[in-house]
PDB file of N, CA and C in Angstrom:
ATOM      1  N   MET A   1       0.752  -1.073   0.066  1.00  0.00           N
ATOM      2  CA  MET A   1       0.093   0.097  -0.126  1.00  0.00           C
ATOM      3  C   MET A   1       0.894   1.393  -0.196  1.00  0.00           C
ATOM      4  N   SER A   2       1.855   1.282   0.511  1.00  0.00           N
ATOM      5  CA  SER A   2       2.852   2.553   0.660  1.00  0.00           C
ATOM      6  C   SER A   2       3.181   2.903  -0.544  1.00  0.00           C
ATOM      7  N   TYR A   3       3.293   2.184  -1.624  1.00  0.00           N
ATOM      8  CA  TYR A   3       3.889   2.739  -2.835  1.00  0.00           C
ATOM      9  C   TYR A   3       3.123   3.327  -3.276  1.00  0.00           C
ATOM     10  N   ALA A   4       1.546   2.821  -3.184  1.00  0.00           N
ATOM     11  CA  ALA A   4       0.507   3.922  -4.200  1.00  0.00           C
ATOM     12  C   ALA A   4       0.375   4.735  -3.327  1.00  0.00           C
ATOM     13  N   ILE A   5       0.415   5.172  -2.138  1.00  0.00           N
ATOM     14  CA  ILE A   5       0.397   6.575  -1.704  1.00  0.00           C
ATOM     15  C   ILE A   5       1.722   6.963  -2.402  1.00  0.00           C
ATOM     16  N   PHE A   6       3.066   6.818  -2.053  1.00  0.00           N
ATOM     17  CA  PHE A   6       3.797   7.622  -2.551  1.00  0.00           C
ATOM     18  C   PHE A   6       3.857   8.471  -3.851  1.00  0.00           C
ATOM     19  N   PHE A   7       3.320   7.348  -4.774  1.00  0.00           N
ATOM     20  CA  PHE A   7       2.806   7.341  -6.533  1.00  0.00           C
ATOM     21  C   PHE A   7       1.575   8.454  -6.466  1.00  0.00           C
ATOM     22  N   SER A   8       0.860   8.301  -5.921  1.00  0.00           N
ATOM     23  CA  SER A   8      -0.592   8.933  -6.018  1.00  0.00           C
ATOM     24  C   SER A   8      -0.759  10.433  -5.427  1.00  0.00           C
ATOM     25  N   ARG A   9       0.300  10.535  -4.590  1.00  0.00           N
ATOM     26  CA  ARG A   9       0.223  11.468  -3.323  1.00  0.00           C
ATOM     27  C   ARG A   9      -0.760  12.376  -2.840  1.00  0.00           C
ATOM     28  N   MET A  10      -2.099  11.175  -2.655  1.00  0.00           N
ATOM     29  CA  MET A  10      -3.537  11.167  -2.130  1.00  0.00           C
ATOM     30  C   MET A  10      -3.444  10.634  -0.747  1.00  0.00           C
ATOM     31  N   PRO A  11      -4.107  10.904   0.222  1.00  0.00           N
ATOM     32  CA  PRO A  11      -4.464   9.928   1.517  1.00  0.00           C
ATOM     33  C   PRO A  11      -5.365   9.005   0.576  1.00  0.00           C
ATOM     34  N   ILE A  12      -5.452   7.749   1.444  1.00  0.00           N
ATOM     35  CA  ILE A  12      -6.122   6.540   1.487  1.00  0.00           C
ATOM     36  C   ILE A  12      -6.565   6.115   2.503  1.00  0.00           C
ATOM     37  N   THR A  13      -7.499   5.924   2.659  1.00  0.00           N
ATOM     38  CA  THR A  13      -8.311   5.181   3.695  1.00  0.00           C
ATOM     39  C   THR A  13      -8.986   4.051   3.138  1.00  0.00           C
ATOM     40  N   VAL A  14      -8.833   3.256   4.627  1.00  0.00           N
ATOM     41  CA  VAL A  14      -9.208   1.603   4.083  1.00  0.00           C
ATOM     42  C   VAL A  14     -10.197   0.823   5.107  1.00  0.00           C
ATOM     43  N   TYR A  15     -10.840   0.571   4.569  1.00  0.00           N
ATOM     44  CA  TYR A  15     -12.049  -0.143   5.023  1.00  0.00           C
ATOM     45  C   TYR A  15     -12.255  -1.656   4.870  1.00  0.00           C
ATOM     46  N   MET A  16     -12.850  -1.992   5.886  1.00  0.00           N
ATOM     47  CA  MET A  16     -13.351  -3.617   5.994  1.00  0.00           C
ATOM     48  C   MET A  16     -14.912  -4.164   6.318  1.00  0.00           C
ATOM     49  N   ARG A  17     -15.356  -4.647   6.287  1.00  0.00           N
ATOM     50  CA  ARG A  17     -17.015  -4.931   6.507  1.00  0.00           C
ATOM     51  C   ARG A  17     -16.844  -5.685   7.754  1.00  0.00           C
ATOM     52  N   ASP A  18     -17.450  -5.224   8.712  1.00  0.00           N
ATOM     53  CA  ASP A  18     -17.345  -5.686  10.364  1.00  0.00           C
ATOM     54  C   ASP A  18     -18.685  -7.284  10.055  1.00  0.00           C
ATOM     55  N   ARG A  19     -18.114  -8.388  10.354  1.00  0.00           N
ATOM     56  CA  ARG A  19     -19.065  -9.104   9.889  1.00  0.00           C
ATOM     57  C   ARG A  19     -20.237  -9.348  10.671  1.00  0.00           C
ATOM     58  N   SER A  20     -20.078  -9.077  11.924  1.00  0.00           N
ATOM     59  CA  SER A  20     -21.570  -8.674  12.826  1.00  0.00           C
ATOM     60  C   SER A  20     -22.394  -8.052  12.770  1.00  0.00           C
ATOM     61  N   SER A  21     -21.998  -6.982  12.386  1.00  0.00           N
ATOM     62  CA  SER A  21     -23.067  -6.051  12.394  1.00  0.00           C
ATOM     63  C   SER A  21     -23.335  -5.584  10.066  1.00  0.00           C
ATOM     64  N   GLY A  22     -22.208  -5.586   9.813  1.00  0.00           N
ATOM     65  CA  GLY A  22     -22.034  -5.927   8.133  1.00  0.00           C
ATOM     66  C   GLY A  22     -22.022  -4.337   7.834  1.00  0.00           C
ATOM     67  N   SER A  23     -21.944  -3.413   8.832  1.00  0.00           N
ATOM     68  CA  SER A  23     -21.253  -1.775   8.394  1.00  0.00           C
ATOM     69  C   SER A  23     -19.772  -2.006   8.093  1.00  0.00           C
ATOM     70  N   LEU A  24     -19.193  -0.507   7.380  1.00  0.00           N
ATOM     71  CA  LEU A  24     -18.092  -0.667   7.144  1.00  0.00           C
ATOM     72  C   LEU A  24     -17.163   0.261   8.229  1.00  0.00           C
ATOM     73  N   LYS A  25     -15.996  -0.471   8.453  1.00  0.00           N
ATOM     74  CA  LYS A  25     -15.088  -0.119   9.494  1.00  0.00           C
ATOM     75  C   LYS A  25     -14.093   0.392   8.876  1.00  0.00           C
ATOM     76  N   ILE A  26     -13.048   1.408   9.749  1.00  0.00           N
ATOM     77  CA  ILE A  26     -12.012   2.136   8.773  1.00  0.00           C
ATOM     78  C   ILE A  26     -11.108   1.485   9.632  1.00  0.00           C
ATOM     79  N   ILE A  27     -10.097   0.561   8.912  1.00  0.00           N
ATOM     80  CA  ILE A  27      -9.337  -0.136   9.472  1.00  0.00           C
ATOM     81  C   ILE A  27      -8.124   0.344   9.443  1.00  0.00           C
ATOM     82  N   ALA A  28      -7.743   1.790   8.533  1.00  0.00           N
ATOM     83  CA  ALA A  28      -6.066   1.871   8.516  1.00  0.00           C
ATOM     84  C   ALA A  28      -6.461   3.384   7.281  1.00  0.00           C
ATOM     85  N   GLU A  29      -5.581   4.514   7.601  1.00  0.00           N
ATOM     86  CA  GLU A  29      -5.461   5.520   6.999  1.00  0.00           C
ATOM     87  C   GLU A  29      -3.862   5.843   6.855  1.00  0.00           C
ATOM     88  N   TYR A  30      -3.894   6.447   5.180  1.00  0.00           N
ATOM     89  CA  TYR A  30      -2.460   6.302   5.023  1.00  0.00           C
ATOM     90  C   TYR A  30      -2.329   8.062   3.979  1.00  0.00           C
ATOM     91  N   GLY A  31      -1.132   8.577   4.362  1.00  0.00           N
ATOM     92  CA  GLY A  31      -0.799   9.472   3.425  1.00  0.00           C
ATOM     93  C   GLY A  31      -1.230  11.109   4.017  1.00  0.00           C
ATOM     94  N   GLN A  32      -1.957  11.132   5.528  1.00  0.00           N
ATOM     95  CA  GLN A  32      -2.555  12.343   5.772  1.00  0.00           C
ATOM     96  C   GLN A  32      -1.739  13.112   5.575  1.00  0.00           C
ATOM     97  N   GLU A  33      -0.600  13.231   5.289  1.00  0.00           N
ATOM     98  CA  GLU A  33       0.691  14.181   4.962  1.00  0.00           C
ATOM     99  C   GLU A  33       0.150  14.885   3.930  1.00  0.00           C
ATOM    100  N   TYR A  34      -0.599  14.794   2.801  1.00  0.00           N
ATOM    101  CA  TYR A  34      -1.054  14.979   1.551  1.00  0.00           C
ATOM    102  C   TYR A  34      -2.102  15.999   1.621  1.00  0.00           C
ATOM    103  N   GLY A  35      -3.094  15.749   2.719  1.00  0.00           N
ATOM    104  CA  GLY A  35      -4.028  16.452   3.183  1.00  0.00           C
ATOM    105  C   GLY A  35      -5.155  15.548   3.224  1.00  0.00           C
ATOM    106  N   ASN A  36      -6.233  15.813   3.939  1.00  0.00           N
ATOM    107  CA  ASN A  36      -7.330  14.610   4.228  1.00  0.00           C
ATOM    108  C   ASN A  36      -8.505  14.928   3.677  1.00  0.00           C
ATOM    109  N   GLU A  37      -8.963  15.477   2.552  1.00  0.00           N
ATOM    110  CA  GLU A  37      -9.622  15.926   1.313  1.00  0.00           C
ATOM    111  C   GLU A  37      -9.973  15.137   0.183  1.00  0.00           C
ATOM    112  N   ASN A  38     -11.095  14.139  -0.196  1.00  0.00           N
ATOM    113  CA  ASN A  38     -11.066  13.635  -0.952  1.00  0.00           C
ATOM    114  C   ASN A  38     -10.165  12.371  -0.635  1.00  0.00           C
ATOM    115  N   PRO A  39     -10.040  11.670   0.176  1.00  0.00           N
ATOM    116  CA  PRO A  39      -9.157  10.289   0.062  1.00  0.00           C
ATOM    117  C   PRO A  39      -9.721   9.070  -1.044  1.00  0.00           C
ATOM    118  N   VAL A  40      -8.776   8.477  -1.562  1.00  0.00           N
ATOM    119  CA  VAL A  40      -9.141   7.398  -2.164  1.00  0.00           C
ATOM    120  C   VAL A  40      -9.436   6.171  -1.230  1.00  0.00           C
ATOM    121  N   ARG A  41     -10.656   6.005  -1.429  1.00  0.00           N
ATOM    122  CA  ARG A  41     -11.627   4.663  -0.689  1.00  0.00           C
ATOM    123  C   ARG A  41     -11.083   3.478  -1.100  1.00  0.00           C
ATOM    124  N   VAL A  42     -10.964   2.707   0.033  1.00  0.00           N
ATOM    125  CA  VAL A  42     -11.210   1.232  -0.744  1.00  0.00           C
ATOM    126  C   VAL A  42     -11.373   0.110   0.097  1.00  0.00           C
ATOM    127  N   LEU A  43     -11.902  -0.795  -0.351  1.00  0.00           N
ATOM    128  CA  LEU A  43     -12.661  -1.655   0.901  1.00  0.00           C
ATOM    129  C   LEU A  43     -11.526  -3.120   0.513  1.00  0.00           C
ATOM    130  N   TYR A  44     -10.651  -3.470   1.678  1.00  0.00           N
ATOM    131  CA  TYR A  44     -10.243  -4.542   1.922  1.00  0.00           C
ATOM    132  C   TYR A  44     -10.664  -6.108   2.091  1.00  0.00           C
ATOM    133  N   HIS A  45     -10.602  -6.512   1.376  1.00  0.00           N
ATOM    134  CA  HIS A  45     -11.433  -8.329   1.675  1.00  0.00           C
ATOM    135  C   HIS A  45     -10.627  -9.077   2.208  1.00  0.00           C
ATOM    136  N   GLY A  46      -9.123  -8.967   2.268  1.00  0.00           N
ATOM    137  CA  GLY A  46      -8.413 -10.071   2.917  1.00  0.00           C
ATOM    138  C   GLY A  46      -7.594 -10.764   2.001  1.00  0.00           C
ATOM    139  N   TYR A  47      -6.028 -11.317   2.494  1.00  0.00           N
ATOM    140  CA  TYR A  47      -5.520 -11.497   1.459  1.00  0.00           C
ATOM    141  C   TYR A  47      -4.907 -10.922   0.086  1.00  0.00           C
ATOM    142  N   GLY A  48      -4.662  -9.712   0.444  1.00  0.00           N
ATOM    143  CA  GLY A  48      -4.074  -8.330  -0.654  1.00  0.00           C
ATOM    144  C   GLY A  48      -5.208  -8.241  -1.676  1.00  0.00           C
ATOM    145  N   HIS A  49      -6.348  -8.160  -1.242  1.00  0.00           N
ATOM    146  CA  HIS A  49      -7.298  -7.871  -2.459  1.00  0.00           C
ATOM    147  C   HIS A  49      -7.931  -6.708  -2.010  1.00  0.00           C
ATOM    148  N   TYR A  50      -7.915  -5.631  -2.794  1.00  0.00           N
ATOM    149  CA  TYR A  50      -8.682  -4.306  -2.294  1.00  0.00           C
ATOM    150  C   TYR A  50      -9.826  -3.766  -3.589  1.00  0.00           C
ATOM    151  N   ASP A  51     -11.321  -3.229  -3.349  1.00  0.00           N
ATOM    152  CA  ASP A  51     -11.793  -2.578  -3.979  1.00  0.00           C
ATOM    153  C   ASP A  51     -12.197  -1.450  -3.932  1.00  0.00           C
ATOM    154  N   ALA A  52     -12.168  -0.803  -5.307  1.00  0.00           N
ATOM    155  CA  ALA A  52     -12.370   0.941  -4.998  1.00  0.00           C
ATOM    156  C   ALA A  52     -13.662   1.147  -4.705  1.00  0.00           C
ATOM    157  N   LEU A  53     -13.880   1.983  -3.586  1.00  0.00           N
ATOM    158  CA  LEU A  53     -15.226   2.486  -3.269  1.00  0.00           C
ATOM    159  C   LEU A  53     -15.162   3.797  -3.409  1.00  0.00           C
ATOM    160  N   PRO A  54     -16.348   3.487  -4.747  1.00  0.00           N
ATOM    161  CA  PRO A  54     -17.244   5.428  -5.059  1.00  0.00           C
ATOM    162  C   PRO A  54     -17.863   5.709  -4.719  1.00  0.00           C
ATOM    163  N   GLY A  55     -17.505   7.309  -4.546  1.00  0.00           N
ATOM    164  CA  GLY A  55     -18.711   8.005  -3.794  1.00  0.00           C
ATOM    165  C   GLY A  55     -18.553   8.095  -2.302  1.00  0.00           C
ATOM    166  N   LEU A  56     -18.892   8.830  -1.749  1.00  0.00           N
ATOM    167  CA  LEU A  56     -18.924   9.587  -0.068  1.00  0.00           C
ATOM    168  C   LEU A  56     -19.395   8.270   0.515  1.00  0.00           C
ATOM    169  N   ILE A  57     -18.950   7.534   1.769  1.00  0.00           N
ATOM    170  CA  ILE A  57     -19.824   6.978   2.465  1.00  0.00           C
ATOM    171  C   ILE A  57     -19.652   7.294   4.115  1.00  0.00           C
ATOM    172  N   GLY A  58     -21.260   7.759   4.662  1.00  0.00           N
ATOM    173  CA  GLY A  58     -21.562   7.660   5.715  1.00  0.00           C
ATOM    174  C   GLY A  58     -21.831   6.995   6.619  1.00  0.00           C
ATOM    175  N   GLY A  59     -21.519   7.246   7.954  1.00  0.00           N
ATOM    176  CA  GLY A  59     -22.153   6.068   9.208  1.00  0.00           C
ATOM    177  C   GLY A  59     -20.363   5.137   9.574  1.00  0.00           C
ATOM    178  N   ALA A  60     -19.613   5.126   8.311  1.00  0.00           N
ATOM    179  CA  ALA A  60     -18.794   4.026   8.796  1.00  0.00           C
ATOM    180  C   ALA A  60     -17.648   4.440   9.886  1.00  0.00           C
ATOM    181  N   GLN A  61     -17.616   3.165  10.741  1.00  0.00           N
ATOM    182  CA  GLN A  61     -16.838   3.780  12.123  1.00  0.00           C
ATOM    183  C   GLN A  61     -15.456   3.776  12.244  1.00  0.00           C
ATOM    184  N   SER A  62     -14.807   4.688  12.967  1.00  0.00           N
ATOM    185  CA  SER A  62     -13.793   4.915  12.891  1.00  0.00           C
ATOM    186  C   SER A  62     -12.662   3.579  13.456  1.00  0.00           C
ATOM    187  N   LYS A  63     -11.557   3.515  13.118  1.00  0.00           N
ATOM    188  CA  LYS A  63     -10.822   2.696  13.561  1.00  0.00           C
ATOM    189  C   LYS A  63     -10.541   2.271  14.790  1.00  0.00           C
ATOM    190  N   GLN A  64     -10.664   2.675  15.456  1.00  0.00           N
ATOM    191  CA  GLN A  64     -10.307   3.317  17.441  1.00  0.00           C
ATOM    192  C   GLN A  64     -11.543   2.535  17.910  1.00  0.00           C
TER     193      GLN A  64
END
């Protein structure tokens, strides 16, 4: 993931679906040094597989 951040120079937010609630949870945020507006949002499925998440996501839980 760090190569993508370096070359894109954009923040990236990584989400994962919570198995019990089905909601999306933020599990990682990268590239905040490039700002935090309009981050690239990806959904992590495990085993290194990511899908792009188009549009804004409301109600996602923080990684904390």
